[in-house]
Amino acid sequence: MQRRYKVSEEIEKMSSGERALQIKILDLETELRKKNEEQNQLVCKMNSKAQHQEVCLKEIQHSLEKSENQNESIKNYLQFLKTSYVTMFG
């Protein structure tokens, strides 16, 4: 009788330990899932910011090109005026 009780007690301890491990595994899987979701959200934010920066950079490049073109036009106009002045008043 006492042996059966001890065997039963040991089986109960093992079952209890196994349940505890299963709970721990489920907790870890849940935590892993949450961390993966957080990582995916961060990657999305990072990609979004990178795209935004790329758009801003293209806008800046376009603005710079426009300014350079305007500067070139002004230089050409000034050269024209200088040449015209020398021709007329020379």
Protein backbone atom coordinates (compact mmCIF):
# COMPACT_ATOMS: atom_id res chain seq x y z
CA MET A 1 0.00 0.00 0.00
CA GLN A 2 2.73 2.40 0.97
CA ARG A 3 4.65 1.64 -2.24
CA ARG A 4 1.60 2.41 -4.35
CA TYR A 5 1.17 5.65 -2.47
CA LYS A 6 4.84 6.56 -3.11
CA VAL A 7 4.57 5.65 -6.81
CA SER A 8 1.35 7.63 -7.09
CA GLU A 9 3.00 10.54 -5.31
CA GLU A 10 6.00 10.43 -7.68
CA ILE A 11 3.70 10.29 -10.71
CA GLU A 12 1.82 13.30 -9.36
CA LYS A 13 5.10 15.19 -8.86
CA MET A 14 6.16 14.36 -12.44
CA SER A 15 2.78 15.39 -13.81
CA SER A 16 2.93 18.60 -11.83
CA GLY A 17 6.44 19.30 -13.12
CA GLU A 18 5.36 18.52 -16.67
CA ARG A 19 2.38 20.90 -16.36
CA ALA A 20 4.68 23.59 -15.02
CA LEU A 21 7.01 23.10 -18.00
CA GLN A 22 4.12 23.22 -20.44
CA ILE A 23 2.91 26.46 -18.87
CA LYS A 24 6.44 27.87 -19.08
CA ILE A 25 6.67 26.84 -22.74
CA LEU A 26 3.34 28.53 -23.50
CA ASP A 27 4.49 31.68 -21.70
CA LEU A 28 7.74 31.72 -23.66
CA GLU A 29 5.91 31.14 -26.96
CA THR A 30 3.57 34.03 -26.13
CA GLU A 31 6.51 36.27 -25.26
CA LEU A 32 8.28 35.26 -28.49
CA ARG A 33 5.16 36.05 -30.52
CA LYS A 34 4.92 39.49 -28.87
CA LYS A 35 8.61 40.20 -29.51
CA ASN A 36 8.21 39.15 -33.16
CA GLU A 37 5.23 41.49 -33.52
CA GLU A 38 7.22 44.33 -31.95
CA GLN A 39 10.11 43.61 -34.28
CA ASN A 40 7.79 43.63 -37.31
CA GLN A 41 6.30 46.95 -36.19
CA LEU A 42 9.77 48.44 -35.76
CA VAL A 43 10.83 47.21 -39.19
CA CYS A 44 7.70 48.77 -40.71
CA LYS A 45 8.40 52.07 -38.93
CA MET A 46 12.01 51.98 -40.03
CA ASN A 47 11.02 51.28 -43.65
CA SER A 48 8.44 54.05 -43.52
CA LYS A 49 10.99 56.52 -42.16
CA ALA A 50 13.52 55.44 -44.78
CA GLN A 51 10.97 56.01 -47.54
CA HIS A 52 10.09 59.41 -46.08
CA GLN A 53 13.76 60.37 -45.96
CA GLU A 54 14.20 59.23 -49.55
CA VAL A 55 11.26 61.39 -50.67
CA CYS A 56 12.65 64.37 -48.74
CA LEU A 57 16.08 63.84 -50.29
CA LYS A 58 14.58 63.76 -53.80
CA GLU A 59 12.66 66.96 -53.05
CA ILE A 60 15.86 68.63 -51.84
CA GLN A 61 17.75 67.43 -54.92
CA HIS A 62 14.99 68.76 -57.18
CA SER A 63 15.03 72.10 -55.36
CA LEU A 64 18.82 72.29 -55.66
CA GLU A 65 18.68 71.54 -59.38
CA LYS A 66 16.04 74.22 -59.83
CA SER A 67 18.19 76.75 -57.94
CA GLU A 68 21.25 75.82 -59.98
CA ASN A 69 19.28 76.28 -63.19
CA GLN A 70 18.04 79.67 -62.02
CA ASN A 71 21.58 80.69 -61.09
CA GLU A 72 22.83 79.61 -64.51
CA SER A 73 20.07 81.61 -66.19
CA ILE A 74 20.98 84.70 -64.15
CA LYS A 75 24.67 84.27 -65.03
CA ASN A 76 23.79 83.95 -68.72
CA TYR A 77 21.59 87.04 -68.54
CA LEU A 78 24.34 89.03 -66.80
CA GLN A 79 26.82 87.95 -69.45
CA PHE A 80 24.36 89.06 -72.12
CA LEU A 81 23.96 92.45 -70.43
CA LYS A 82 27.73 92.90 -70.13
CA THR A 83 28.24 92.01 -73.77
CA SER A 84 25.43 94.34 -74.84
CA TYR A 85 26.85 97.20 -72.74
CA VAL A 86 30.32 96.76 -74.22
CA THR A 87 28.86 96.62 -77.73
CA MET A 88 26.76 99.75 -77.27
CA PHE A 89 29.04 101.89 -75.16
CA GLY A 90 32.24 100.17 -75.74
